[in-house]
Amino acid sequence: MTTLLLIRHGETDAVGKSIMGWQPGWRLNQKGREQVEKLNLRLANLPIRAIYTSPLERAIETAMPIASQHGISVQRLEDLGEMQFGQWEGVNLNQLEEREQWRRFNTFRSGVRPPGGELMVETQARMIRRLECVSREHPRDTVAIVSHGDPLRSVIAFYLGIPLDLMLRFEISPASLSVVELAPWGPRVLRLNDIGDIPGDPSL
């Protein structure tokens, strides 16, 4: 039985503003670094045996402190990278809201391809394929996976049996932790979008 710690990278200056995609150069901002520090403290006592990450800078910067704390090396995997958004990469979200294809994409994720990008189901397939490989390599371990919002949503949707068209009904926040247990009798989602705070509490 493998326990997967599914971690979204910490915040960057583009989160909630534009599509970063696979563009290089997006690194954690100050808030993102603080989020990762807080997350790292929460993971300190867990028996993490391996950590795999998206090859993008923001994910690597999230993975490195966790790896250092547990005395393990970071393994970078293309399959864990962000969804390929094609021509939408670098575009401001307010501008995208004016485009009919963007609006269709967010209501029909299973069938609308970003121009020049990949279908959501293709992102989901490469993520699940890689996580199943990780599970076979670590059949009794706790393993950290650092990736991005939409790829992680697609993974959770798969293991919960939720259609991709409904995946935006739950959130995957920056530096959040979701936990999936993969066993021979099937998967179980043990935790979803845990950031250690109570949503909406102004004191946190």
N, C-alpha and C. Protein backbone atom coordinates (compact mmCIF):
# COMPACT_ATOMS: atom_id res chain seq x y z
N MET A 1 0.85 -1.19 0.00
CA MET A 1 0.00 0.00 0.00
C MET A 1 0.89 1.25 0.00
N THR A 2 0.69 2.10 -0.99
CA THR A 2 1.48 3.33 -1.12
C THR A 2 0.62 4.53 -0.70
N THR A 3 1.21 5.41 0.09
CA THR A 3 0.55 6.65 0.47
C THR A 3 1.17 7.80 -0.31
N LEU A 4 0.36 8.46 -1.12
CA LEU A 4 0.82 9.58 -1.94
C LEU A 4 0.44 10.90 -1.29
N LEU A 5 1.43 11.73 -1.04
CA LEU A 5 1.21 13.09 -0.56
C LEU A 5 1.23 14.01 -1.77
N LEU A 6 0.06 14.44 -2.21
CA LEU A 6 -0.06 15.25 -3.42
C LEU A 6 0.01 16.72 -3.03
N ILE A 7 1.05 17.40 -3.48
CA ILE A 7 1.35 18.76 -3.04
C ILE A 7 1.35 19.71 -4.24
N ARG A 8 0.58 20.77 -4.14
CA ARG A 8 0.68 21.83 -5.16
C ARG A 8 1.80 22.78 -4.76
N HIS A 9 2.51 23.30 -5.73
CA HIS A 9 3.58 24.26 -5.45
C HIS A 9 3.04 25.49 -4.74
N GLY A 10 3.93 26.21 -4.07
CA GLY A 10 3.55 27.44 -3.39
C GLY A 10 3.22 28.57 -4.37
N GLU A 11 2.78 29.67 -3.82
CA GLU A 11 2.29 30.78 -4.63
C GLU A 11 3.42 31.48 -5.40
N THR A 12 3.06 31.95 -6.60
CA THR A 12 3.91 32.81 -7.40
C THR A 12 3.14 34.10 -7.69
N ASP A 13 3.80 35.05 -8.31
CA ASP A 13 3.11 36.31 -8.63
C ASP A 13 2.03 36.15 -9.69
N ALA A 14 2.01 35.01 -10.37
CA ALA A 14 1.02 34.81 -11.44
C ALA A 14 -0.22 34.05 -10.97
N VAL A 15 -0.17 33.43 -9.79
CA VAL A 15 -1.31 32.64 -9.32
C VAL A 15 -2.56 33.51 -9.24
N GLY A 16 -3.62 33.06 -9.91
CA GLY A 16 -4.88 33.79 -9.93
C GLY A 16 -4.91 34.97 -10.88
N LYS A 17 -3.82 35.18 -11.64
CA LYS A 17 -3.74 36.34 -12.53
C LYS A 17 -3.53 35.96 -13.99
N SER A 18 -2.67 34.98 -14.24
CA SER A 18 -2.40 34.58 -15.62
C SER A 18 -2.03 33.11 -15.67
N ILE A 19 -1.97 32.55 -16.88
CA ILE A 19 -1.63 31.15 -17.09
C ILE A 19 -0.11 31.01 -17.18
N MET A 20 0.49 30.38 -16.19
CA MET A 20 1.95 30.18 -16.22
C MET A 20 2.32 29.06 -17.18
N GLY A 21 1.55 27.96 -17.14
CA GLY A 21 1.86 26.82 -18.00
C GLY A 21 3.28 26.35 -17.83
N TRP A 22 3.95 26.12 -18.96
CA TRP A 22 5.33 25.64 -18.97
C TRP A 22 6.34 26.77 -19.18
N GLN A 23 5.90 28.02 -19.09
CA GLN A 23 6.83 29.12 -19.24
C GLN A 23 7.89 29.08 -18.14
N PRO A 24 9.16 29.25 -18.49
CA PRO A 24 10.20 29.26 -17.46
C PRO A 24 10.21 30.58 -16.70
N GLY A 25 10.84 30.55 -15.54
CA GLY A 25 11.07 31.78 -14.80
C GLY A 25 10.09 32.09 -13.70
N TRP A 26 8.99 31.33 -13.60
CA TRP A 26 8.04 31.60 -12.53
C TRP A 26 8.51 30.90 -11.26
N ARG A 27 8.93 31.71 -10.30
CA ARG A 27 9.46 31.19 -9.04
C ARG A 27 8.53 31.58 -7.89
N LEU A 28 8.70 30.94 -6.75
CA LEU A 28 7.89 31.27 -5.59
C LEU A 28 8.13 32.71 -5.16
N ASN A 29 7.04 33.39 -4.80
CA ASN A 29 7.21 34.72 -4.21
C ASN A 29 7.35 34.58 -2.69
N GLN A 30 7.40 35.70 -1.97
CA GLN A 30 7.61 35.63 -0.53
C GLN A 30 6.51 34.84 0.15
N LYS A 31 5.27 35.08 -0.23
CA LYS A 31 4.17 34.33 0.37
C LYS A 31 4.30 32.84 0.07
N GLY A 32 4.70 32.52 -1.15
CA GLY A 32 4.87 31.12 -1.53
C GLY A 32 5.95 30.43 -0.70
N ARG A 33 7.04 31.14 -0.45
CA ARG A 33 8.11 30.57 0.37
C ARG A 33 7.64 30.35 1.81
N GLU A 34 6.82 31.26 2.30
CA GLU A 34 6.27 31.10 3.65
C GLU A 34 5.29 29.93 3.69
N GLN A 35 4.51 29.77 2.65
CA GLN A 35 3.59 28.63 2.58
C GLN A 35 4.35 27.30 2.61
N VAL A 36 5.42 27.24 1.85
CA VAL A 36 6.22 26.02 1.78
C VAL A 36 6.89 25.73 3.13
N GLU A 37 7.36 26.77 3.80
CA GLU A 37 7.96 26.59 5.12
C GLU A 37 6.94 26.01 6.10
N LYS A 38 5.74 26.54 6.05
CA LYS A 38 4.67 26.06 6.93
C LYS A 38 4.32 24.61 6.60
N LEU A 39 4.22 24.30 5.31
CA LEU A 39 3.92 22.93 4.89
C LEU A 39 5.03 21.98 5.34
N ASN A 40 6.26 22.41 5.19
CA ASN A 40 7.40 21.56 5.55
C ASN A 40 7.37 21.20 7.03
N LEU A 41 6.97 22.13 7.87
CA LEU A 41 6.85 21.85 9.29
C LEU A 41 5.79 20.80 9.56
N ARG A 42 4.70 20.85 8.81
CA ARG A 42 3.61 19.89 9.00
C ARG A 42 4.00 18.49 8.52
N LEU A 43 4.95 18.43 7.58
CA LEU A 43 5.37 17.13 7.04
C LEU A 43 6.57 16.54 7.77
N ALA A 44 7.10 17.27 8.73
CA ALA A 44 8.40 16.92 9.33
C ALA A 44 8.42 15.51 9.91
N ASN A 45 7.34 15.07 10.52
CA ASN A 45 7.33 13.77 11.21
C ASN A 45 6.81 12.62 10.36
N LEU A 46 6.51 12.89 9.11
CA LEU A 46 6.02 11.82 8.24
C LEU A 46 7.19 11.03 7.65
N PRO A 47 7.01 9.73 7.45
CA PRO A 47 8.11 8.89 6.94
C PRO A 47 8.21 8.94 5.41
N ILE A 48 8.52 10.11 4.88
CA ILE A 48 8.60 10.27 3.42
C ILE A 48 9.87 9.60 2.90
N ARG A 49 9.70 8.64 1.99
CA ARG A 49 10.83 7.86 1.48
C ARG A 49 11.32 8.34 0.12
N ALA A 50 10.48 9.09 -0.60
CA ALA A 50 10.88 9.58 -1.92
C ALA A 50 10.05 10.82 -2.24
N ILE A 51 10.59 11.67 -3.11
CA ILE A 51 9.84 12.84 -3.55
C ILE A 51 10.06 13.03 -5.04
N TYR A 52 8.97 13.14 -5.77
CA TYR A 52 8.98 13.34 -7.21
C TYR A 52 8.31 14.68 -7.50
N THR A 53 8.86 15.41 -8.47
CA THR A 53 8.33 16.74 -8.74
C THR A 53 8.25 17.04 -10.23
N SER A 54 7.35 17.94 -10.56
CA SER A 54 7.35 18.59 -11.87
C SER A 54 8.70 19.26 -12.07
N PRO A 55 9.18 19.36 -13.32
CA PRO A 55 10.48 19.99 -13.57
C PRO A 55 10.45 21.51 -13.58
N LEU A 56 9.30 22.12 -13.36
CA LEU A 56 9.20 23.58 -13.40
C LEU A 56 9.70 24.20 -12.09
N GLU A 57 10.27 25.41 -12.18
CA GLU A 57 10.97 26.02 -11.05
C GLU A 57 10.13 26.10 -9.79
N ARG A 58 8.87 26.51 -9.92
CA ARG A 58 8.03 26.71 -8.74
C ARG A 58 7.78 25.40 -8.00
N ALA A 59 7.72 24.31 -8.74
CA ALA A 59 7.53 23.00 -8.11
C ALA A 59 8.83 22.52 -7.45
N ILE A 60 9.95 22.72 -8.14
CA ILE A 60 11.24 22.31 -7.57
C ILE A 60 11.52 23.08 -6.28
N GLU A 61 11.21 24.38 -6.28
CA GLU A 61 11.44 25.18 -5.07
C GLU A 61 10.55 24.74 -3.92
N THR A 62 9.42 24.15 -4.23
CA THR A 62 8.54 23.60 -3.20
C THR A 62 9.07 22.26 -2.70
N ALA A 63 9.60 21.46 -3.61
CA ALA A 63 10.06 20.12 -3.26
C ALA A 63 11.37 20.11 -2.49
N MET A 64 12.27 21.04 -2.81
CA MET A 64 13.62 20.98 -2.25
C MET A 64 13.68 21.02 -0.71
N PRO A 65 12.95 21.93 -0.05
CA PRO A 65 13.01 21.94 1.43
C PRO A 65 12.50 20.64 2.04
N ILE A 66 11.47 20.05 1.44
CA ILE A 66 10.93 18.78 1.94
C ILE A 66 11.96 17.68 1.80
N ALA A 67 12.59 17.63 0.64
CA ALA A 67 13.62 16.62 0.40
C ALA A 67 14.78 16.78 1.36
N SER A 68 15.22 18.01 1.57
CA SER A 68 16.35 18.27 2.45
C SER A 68 16.04 17.83 3.88
N GLN A 69 14.84 18.14 4.33
CA GLN A 69 14.44 17.80 5.70
C GLN A 69 14.43 16.29 5.93
N HIS A 70 14.10 15.52 4.88
CA HIS A 70 13.99 14.07 5.01
C HIS A 70 15.22 13.33 4.50
N GLY A 71 16.24 14.07 4.08
CA GLY A 71 17.47 13.44 3.64
C GLY A 71 17.34 12.61 2.38
N ILE A 72 16.48 13.07 1.45
CA ILE A 72 16.28 12.36 0.20
C ILE A 72 16.53 13.30 -0.96
N SER A 73 16.69 12.77 -2.15
CA SER A 73 16.92 13.59 -3.34
C SER A 73 15.61 13.84 -4.08
N VAL A 74 15.56 14.97 -4.77
CA VAL A 74 14.39 15.31 -5.59
C VAL A 74 14.53 14.66 -6.96
N GLN A 75 13.49 13.98 -7.40
CA GLN A 75 13.47 13.35 -8.71
C GLN A 75 12.47 14.09 -9.60
N ARG A 76 12.96 14.64 -10.70
CA ARG A 76 12.13 15.46 -11.59
C ARG A 76 11.55 14.61 -12.71
N LEU A 77 10.25 14.76 -12.93
CA LEU A 77 9.56 13.95 -13.93
C LEU A 77 8.68 14.83 -14.81
N GLU A 78 8.88 14.74 -16.12
CA GLU A 78 8.07 15.52 -17.07
C GLU A 78 6.58 15.23 -16.92
N ASP A 79 6.23 13.99 -16.63
CA ASP A 79 4.82 13.61 -16.54
C ASP A 79 4.07 14.35 -15.44
N LEU A 80 4.79 14.89 -14.46
CA LEU A 80 4.16 15.59 -13.35
C LEU A 80 4.05 17.10 -13.61
N GLY A 81 4.42 17.53 -14.81
CA GLY A 81 4.39 18.94 -15.13
C GLY A 81 2.99 19.49 -15.32
N GLU A 82 2.93 20.80 -15.46
CA GLU A 82 1.67 21.51 -15.65
C GLU A 82 0.98 21.05 -16.94
N MET A 83 -0.31 21.24 -17.00
CA MET A 83 -1.04 21.02 -18.24
C MET A 83 -0.45 21.90 -19.34
N GLN A 84 -0.41 21.39 -20.56
CA GLN A 84 0.06 22.17 -21.71
C GLN A 84 -1.09 23.06 -22.19
N PHE A 85 -0.99 24.36 -21.93
CA PHE A 85 -2.06 25.29 -22.28
C PHE A 85 -1.87 25.94 -23.64
N GLY A 86 -0.79 25.62 -24.35
CA GLY A 86 -0.61 26.12 -25.70
C GLY A 86 -0.61 27.63 -25.78
N GLN A 87 -1.46 28.17 -26.65
CA GLN A 87 -1.50 29.62 -26.90
C GLN A 87 -2.04 30.43 -25.73
N TRP A 88 -2.59 29.77 -24.74
CA TRP A 88 -3.09 30.49 -23.57
C TRP A 88 -2.00 30.80 -22.55
N GLU A 89 -0.84 30.19 -22.69
CA GLU A 89 0.23 30.42 -21.72
C GLU A 89 0.67 31.89 -21.75
N GLY A 90 0.78 32.48 -20.58
CA GLY A 90 1.18 33.87 -20.46
C GLY A 90 0.04 34.87 -20.58
N VAL A 91 -1.17 34.40 -20.90
CA VAL A 91 -2.31 35.30 -21.10
C VAL A 91 -2.98 35.59 -19.76
N ASN A 92 -3.36 36.85 -19.56
CA ASN A 92 -4.05 37.28 -18.36
C ASN A 92 -5.43 36.61 -18.27
N LEU A 93 -5.81 36.18 -17.06
CA LEU A 93 -7.09 35.49 -16.89
C LEU A 93 -8.28 36.37 -17.24
N ASN A 94 -8.19 37.67 -16.99
CA ASN A 94 -9.28 38.57 -17.35
C ASN A 94 -9.48 38.62 -18.86
N GLN A 95 -8.40 38.54 -19.61
CA GLN A 95 -8.51 38.50 -21.07
C GLN A 95 -9.11 37.18 -21.54
N LEU A 96 -8.71 36.09 -20.89
CA LEU A 96 -9.24 34.79 -21.27
C LEU A 96 -10.75 34.70 -21.03
N GLU A 97 -11.22 35.36 -19.98
CA GLU A 97 -12.65 35.31 -19.67
C GLU A 97 -13.51 35.86 -20.82
N GLU A 98 -12.92 36.65 -21.68
CA GLU A 98 -13.65 37.22 -22.81
C GLU A 98 -13.71 36.26 -24.00
N ARG A 99 -13.01 35.13 -23.92
CA ARG A 99 -12.94 34.21 -25.05
C ARG A 99 -13.90 33.04 -24.85
N GLU A 100 -14.70 32.81 -25.87
CA GLU A 100 -15.70 31.74 -25.80
C GLU A 100 -15.07 30.38 -25.58
N GLN A 101 -13.93 30.11 -26.21
CA GLN A 101 -13.30 28.80 -26.07
C GLN A 101 -12.82 28.57 -24.64
N TRP A 102 -12.36 29.61 -23.97
CA TRP A 102 -11.95 29.50 -22.56
C TRP A 102 -13.15 29.16 -21.68
N ARG A 103 -14.27 29.83 -21.94
CA ARG A 103 -15.47 29.55 -21.15
C ARG A 103 -15.95 28.12 -21.39
N ARG A 104 -15.87 27.65 -22.64
CA ARG A 104 -16.25 26.27 -22.93
C ARG A 104 -15.29 25.29 -22.26
N PHE A 105 -14.02 25.63 -22.25
CA PHE A 105 -13.01 24.78 -21.62
C PHE A 105 -13.33 24.55 -20.14
N ASN A 106 -13.81 25.58 -19.47
CA ASN A 106 -14.07 25.47 -18.04
C ASN A 106 -15.42 24.85 -17.70
N THR A 107 -16.22 24.54 -18.69
CA THR A 107 -17.45 23.80 -18.46
C THR A 107 -17.42 22.42 -19.11
N PHE A 108 -16.50 22.22 -20.05
CA PHE A 108 -16.40 20.94 -20.77
C PHE A 108 -14.93 20.53 -20.83
N ARG A 109 -14.33 20.33 -19.64
CA ARG A 109 -12.91 20.02 -19.56
C ARG A 109 -12.55 18.73 -20.30
N SER A 110 -13.47 17.81 -20.37
CA SER A 110 -13.15 16.52 -20.99
C SER A 110 -13.04 16.59 -22.50
N GLY A 111 -13.55 17.66 -23.12
CA GLY A 111 -13.61 17.67 -24.57
C GLY A 111 -13.07 18.89 -25.28
N VAL A 112 -12.67 19.93 -24.54
CA VAL A 112 -12.18 21.16 -25.18
C VAL A 112 -10.67 21.24 -25.00
N ARG A 113 -9.97 21.34 -26.10
CA ARG A 113 -8.51 21.42 -26.10
C ARG A 113 -8.07 22.88 -26.18
N PRO A 114 -7.21 23.34 -25.26
CA PRO A 114 -6.64 24.68 -25.44
C PRO A 114 -5.91 24.75 -26.78
N PRO A 115 -5.99 25.87 -27.49
CA PRO A 115 -5.35 25.96 -28.80
C PRO A 115 -3.85 25.69 -28.72
N GLY A 116 -3.41 24.63 -29.37
CA GLY A 116 -2.01 24.25 -29.33
C GLY A 116 -1.60 23.50 -28.08
N GLY A 117 -2.54 23.15 -27.21
CA GLY A 117 -2.24 22.49 -25.95
C GLY A 117 -2.75 21.07 -25.91
N GLU A 118 -2.90 20.53 -24.71
CA GLU A 118 -3.36 19.15 -24.55
C GLU A 118 -4.74 19.11 -23.92
N LEU A 119 -5.46 18.04 -24.19
CA LEU A 119 -6.74 17.82 -23.54
C LEU A 119 -6.52 17.51 -22.07
N MET A 120 -7.50 17.86 -21.24
CA MET A 120 -7.41 17.57 -19.82
C MET A 120 -7.25 16.07 -19.58
N VAL A 121 -7.91 15.26 -20.39
CA VAL A 121 -7.81 13.81 -20.22
C VAL A 121 -6.40 13.32 -20.53
N GLU A 122 -5.67 14.02 -21.39
CA GLU A 122 -4.28 13.65 -21.68
C GLU A 122 -3.38 13.98 -20.49
N THR A 123 -3.64 15.13 -19.86
CA THR A 123 -2.93 15.47 -18.64
C THR A 123 -3.20 14.42 -17.56
N GLN A 124 -4.45 14.09 -17.40
CA GLN A 124 -4.84 13.10 -16.40
C GLN A 124 -4.18 11.75 -16.67
N ALA A 125 -4.14 11.34 -17.92
CA ALA A 125 -3.57 10.03 -18.27
C ALA A 125 -2.08 9.95 -17.93
N ARG A 126 -1.33 11.01 -18.25
CA ARG A 126 0.11 10.96 -17.94
C ARG A 126 0.37 11.03 -16.45
N MET A 127 -0.46 11.76 -15.73
CA MET A 127 -0.31 11.83 -14.28
C MET A 127 -0.59 10.47 -13.64
N ILE A 128 -1.70 9.87 -14.00
CA ILE A 128 -2.08 8.59 -13.41
C ILE A 128 -1.08 7.51 -13.80
N ARG A 129 -0.65 7.51 -15.05
CA ARG A 129 0.35 6.52 -15.48
C ARG A 129 1.61 6.62 -14.62
N ARG A 130 2.06 7.84 -14.36
CA ARG A 130 3.27 8.01 -13.57
C ARG A 130 3.04 7.63 -12.11
N LEU A 131 1.89 7.99 -11.55
CA LEU A 131 1.63 7.66 -10.15
C LEU A 131 1.49 6.15 -9.95
N GLU A 132 0.94 5.46 -10.92
CA GLU A 132 0.86 4.01 -10.82
C GLU A 132 2.26 3.40 -10.86
N CYS A 133 3.15 3.97 -11.65
CA CYS A 133 4.55 3.50 -11.66
C CYS A 133 5.22 3.75 -10.31
N VAL A 134 4.99 4.94 -9.75
CA VAL A 134 5.55 5.26 -8.44
C VAL A 134 5.04 4.28 -7.39
N SER A 135 3.76 3.96 -7.47
CA SER A 135 3.18 3.01 -6.52
C SER A 135 3.84 1.64 -6.60
N ARG A 136 4.13 1.21 -7.81
CA ARG A 136 4.78 -0.09 -7.96
C ARG A 136 6.23 -0.07 -7.44
N GLU A 137 6.89 1.07 -7.59
CA GLU A 137 8.27 1.20 -7.12
C GLU A 137 8.35 1.36 -5.60
N HIS A 138 7.27 1.85 -5.00
CA HIS A 138 7.24 2.11 -3.55
C HIS A 138 5.98 1.47 -2.95
N PRO A 139 5.90 0.15 -2.95
CA PRO A 139 4.65 -0.53 -2.58
C PRO A 139 4.24 -0.37 -1.12
N ARG A 140 5.15 0.05 -0.25
CA ARG A 140 4.79 0.19 1.17
C ARG A 140 5.29 1.52 1.74
N ASP A 141 5.50 2.50 0.88
CA ASP A 141 6.12 3.75 1.31
C ASP A 141 5.15 4.93 1.27
N THR A 142 5.56 6.00 1.94
CA THR A 142 4.93 7.31 1.81
C THR A 142 5.78 8.13 0.86
N VAL A 143 5.15 8.64 -0.19
CA VAL A 143 5.87 9.33 -1.26
C VAL A 143 5.24 10.70 -1.49
N ALA A 144 6.06 11.74 -1.59
CA ALA A 144 5.58 13.08 -1.89
C ALA A 144 5.61 13.33 -3.40
N ILE A 145 4.56 13.94 -3.90
CA ILE A 145 4.42 14.30 -5.32
C ILE A 145 4.15 15.79 -5.39
N VAL A 146 5.00 16.56 -6.05
CA VAL A 146 4.80 18.00 -6.17
C VAL A 146 4.44 18.33 -7.61
N SER A 147 3.28 18.95 -7.78
CA SER A 147 2.80 19.23 -9.14
C SER A 147 2.02 20.54 -9.13
N HIS A 148 0.99 20.63 -9.96
CA HIS A 148 0.27 21.87 -10.23
C HIS A 148 -1.23 21.67 -10.05
N GLY A 149 -1.95 22.78 -9.99
CA GLY A 149 -3.37 22.74 -9.66
C GLY A 149 -4.22 21.83 -10.52
N ASP A 150 -4.24 22.07 -11.82
CA ASP A 150 -5.11 21.27 -12.68
C ASP A 150 -4.68 19.81 -12.78
N PRO A 151 -3.39 19.50 -12.94
CA PRO A 151 -3.00 18.09 -12.94
C PRO A 151 -3.40 17.37 -11.65
N LEU A 152 -3.24 18.03 -10.51
CA LEU A 152 -3.62 17.39 -9.24
C LEU A 152 -5.13 17.25 -9.12
N ARG A 153 -5.87 18.24 -9.60
CA ARG A 153 -7.33 18.09 -9.62
C ARG A 153 -7.73 16.87 -10.46
N SER A 154 -7.08 16.70 -11.59
CA SER A 154 -7.44 15.57 -12.46
C SER A 154 -7.15 14.24 -11.79
N VAL A 155 -6.08 14.18 -10.99
CA VAL A 155 -5.74 12.96 -10.26
C VAL A 155 -6.80 12.65 -9.21
N ILE A 156 -7.16 13.66 -8.42
CA ILE A 156 -8.18 13.47 -7.39
C ILE A 156 -9.50 13.06 -8.02
N ALA A 157 -9.86 13.71 -9.13
CA ALA A 157 -11.10 13.35 -9.82
C ALA A 157 -11.08 11.89 -10.26
N PHE A 158 -9.94 11.44 -10.78
CA PHE A 158 -9.82 10.05 -11.22
C PHE A 158 -10.04 9.09 -10.07
N TYR A 159 -9.35 9.33 -8.95
CA TYR A 159 -9.44 8.39 -7.83
C TYR A 159 -10.77 8.46 -7.11
N LEU A 160 -11.50 9.57 -7.24
CA LEU A 160 -12.84 9.67 -6.66
C LEU A 160 -13.94 9.24 -7.63
N GLY A 161 -13.57 9.02 -8.89
CA GLY A 161 -14.57 8.67 -9.88
C GLY A 161 -15.43 9.84 -10.31
N ILE A 162 -14.86 11.05 -10.28
CA ILE A 162 -15.59 12.26 -10.65
C ILE A 162 -15.27 12.63 -12.10
N PRO A 163 -16.25 12.96 -12.92
CA PRO A 163 -15.96 13.37 -14.31
C PRO A 163 -15.09 14.62 -14.33
N LEU A 164 -14.23 14.71 -15.33
CA LEU A 164 -13.36 15.88 -15.46
C LEU A 164 -14.16 17.17 -15.60
N ASP A 165 -15.36 17.09 -16.15
CA ASP A 165 -16.17 18.29 -16.32
C ASP A 165 -16.60 18.89 -14.98
N LEU A 166 -16.48 18.13 -13.89
CA LEU A 166 -16.88 18.61 -12.56
C LEU A 166 -15.68 18.89 -11.66
N MET A 167 -14.47 18.82 -12.21
CA MET A 167 -13.28 18.92 -11.36
C MET A 167 -13.08 20.28 -10.72
N LEU A 168 -13.69 21.33 -11.27
CA LEU A 168 -13.54 22.65 -10.68
C LEU A 168 -14.45 22.86 -9.47
N ARG A 169 -15.19 21.82 -9.10
CA ARG A 169 -16.05 21.92 -7.91
C ARG A 169 -15.27 21.79 -6.61
N PHE A 170 -14.01 21.39 -6.70
CA PHE A 170 -13.18 21.39 -5.50
C PHE A 170 -11.88 22.14 -5.78
N GLU A 171 -11.28 22.67 -4.72
CA GLU A 171 -10.10 23.53 -4.86
C GLU A 171 -8.82 22.75 -4.55
N ILE A 172 -7.76 23.13 -5.23
CA ILE A 172 -6.41 22.68 -4.90
C ILE A 172 -5.57 23.96 -4.76
N SER A 173 -5.38 24.39 -3.53
CA SER A 173 -4.74 25.68 -3.25
C SER A 173 -3.21 25.58 -3.32
N PRO A 174 -2.54 26.71 -3.50
CA PRO A 174 -1.08 26.70 -3.44
C PRO A 174 -0.58 26.13 -2.11
N ALA A 175 0.44 25.28 -2.19
CA ALA A 175 1.06 24.63 -1.02
C ALA A 175 0.09 23.76 -0.24
N SER A 176 -0.97 23.30 -0.90
CA SER A 176 -1.93 22.42 -0.22
C SER A 176 -1.48 20.98 -0.28
N LEU A 177 -2.03 20.19 0.65
CA LEU A 177 -1.73 18.77 0.74
C LEU A 177 -3.01 17.96 0.56
N SER A 178 -2.98 17.04 -0.38
CA SER A 178 -4.03 16.03 -0.52
C SER A 178 -3.36 14.66 -0.38
N VAL A 179 -4.06 13.72 0.19
CA VAL A 179 -3.46 12.42 0.46
C VAL A 179 -4.32 11.31 -0.16
N VAL A 180 -3.65 10.46 -0.94
CA VAL A 180 -4.32 9.32 -1.57
C VAL A 180 -3.57 8.05 -1.18
N GLU A 181 -4.32 7.06 -0.79
CA GLU A 181 -3.76 5.76 -0.46
C GLU A 181 -4.08 4.79 -1.60
N LEU A 182 -3.04 4.20 -2.18
CA LEU A 182 -3.22 3.24 -3.27
C LEU A 182 -2.96 1.84 -2.73
N ALA A 183 -3.99 1.02 -2.72
CA ALA A 183 -3.90 -0.34 -2.21
C ALA A 183 -4.37 -1.32 -3.29
N PRO A 184 -4.05 -2.60 -3.16
CA PRO A 184 -4.47 -3.58 -4.17
C PRO A 184 -5.98 -3.61 -4.38
N TRP A 185 -6.74 -3.27 -3.37
CA TRP A 185 -8.21 -3.30 -3.49
C TRP A 185 -8.78 -1.98 -3.96
N GLY A 186 -7.92 -1.00 -4.24
CA GLY A 186 -8.40 0.26 -4.80
C GLY A 186 -7.89 1.47 -4.04
N PRO A 187 -8.15 2.66 -4.58
CA PRO A 187 -7.66 3.90 -3.96
C PRO A 187 -8.61 4.45 -2.91
N ARG A 188 -8.06 5.22 -1.99
CA ARG A 188 -8.86 5.97 -1.03
C ARG A 188 -8.27 7.37 -0.90
N VAL A 189 -9.13 8.38 -1.01
CA VAL A 189 -8.70 9.77 -0.80
C VAL A 189 -8.88 10.08 0.68
N LEU A 190 -7.77 10.30 1.37
CA LEU A 190 -7.79 10.49 2.82
C LEU A 190 -7.83 11.96 3.23
N ARG A 191 -7.37 12.82 2.35
CA ARG A 191 -7.32 14.25 2.68
C ARG A 191 -7.36 15.04 1.39
N LEU A 192 -8.03 16.19 1.42
CA LEU A 192 -8.18 17.00 0.21
C LEU A 192 -7.92 18.47 0.52
N ASN A 193 -6.98 19.07 -0.21
CA ASN A 193 -6.71 20.51 -0.15
C ASN A 193 -6.48 21.01 1.27
N ASP A 194 -5.70 20.28 2.04
CA ASP A 194 -5.42 20.67 3.41
C ASP A 194 -4.31 21.72 3.42
N ILE A 195 -4.63 22.90 3.91
CA ILE A 195 -3.62 23.96 4.05
C ILE A 195 -3.40 24.32 5.51
N GLY A 196 -4.01 23.54 6.41
CA GLY A 196 -3.81 23.75 7.83
C GLY A 196 -4.60 24.90 8.40
N ASP A 197 -5.44 25.54 7.60
CA ASP A 197 -6.25 26.67 8.04
C ASP A 197 -7.73 26.34 7.87
N ILE A 198 -8.56 27.16 8.48
CA ILE A 198 -10.00 27.06 8.28
C ILE A 198 -10.39 28.10 7.23
N PRO A 199 -10.90 27.66 6.06
CA PRO A 199 -11.24 28.64 5.01
C PRO A 199 -12.17 29.73 5.51
N GLY A 200 -11.83 30.95 5.19
CA GLY A 200 -12.68 32.08 5.56
C GLY A 200 -12.43 32.65 6.95
N ASP A 201 -11.54 32.03 7.74
CA ASP A 201 -11.24 32.54 9.08
C ASP A 201 -10.24 33.69 8.95
N PRO A 202 -10.62 34.93 9.24
CA PRO A 202 -9.74 36.08 9.03
C PRO A 202 -8.54 36.09 9.97
N SER A 203 -8.58 35.28 11.02
CA SER A 203 -7.47 35.28 11.97
C SER A 203 -6.34 34.39 11.53
N LEU A 204 -6.52 33.63 10.43
CA LEU A 204 -5.52 32.65 9.99
C LEU A 204 -4.79 33.11 8.73
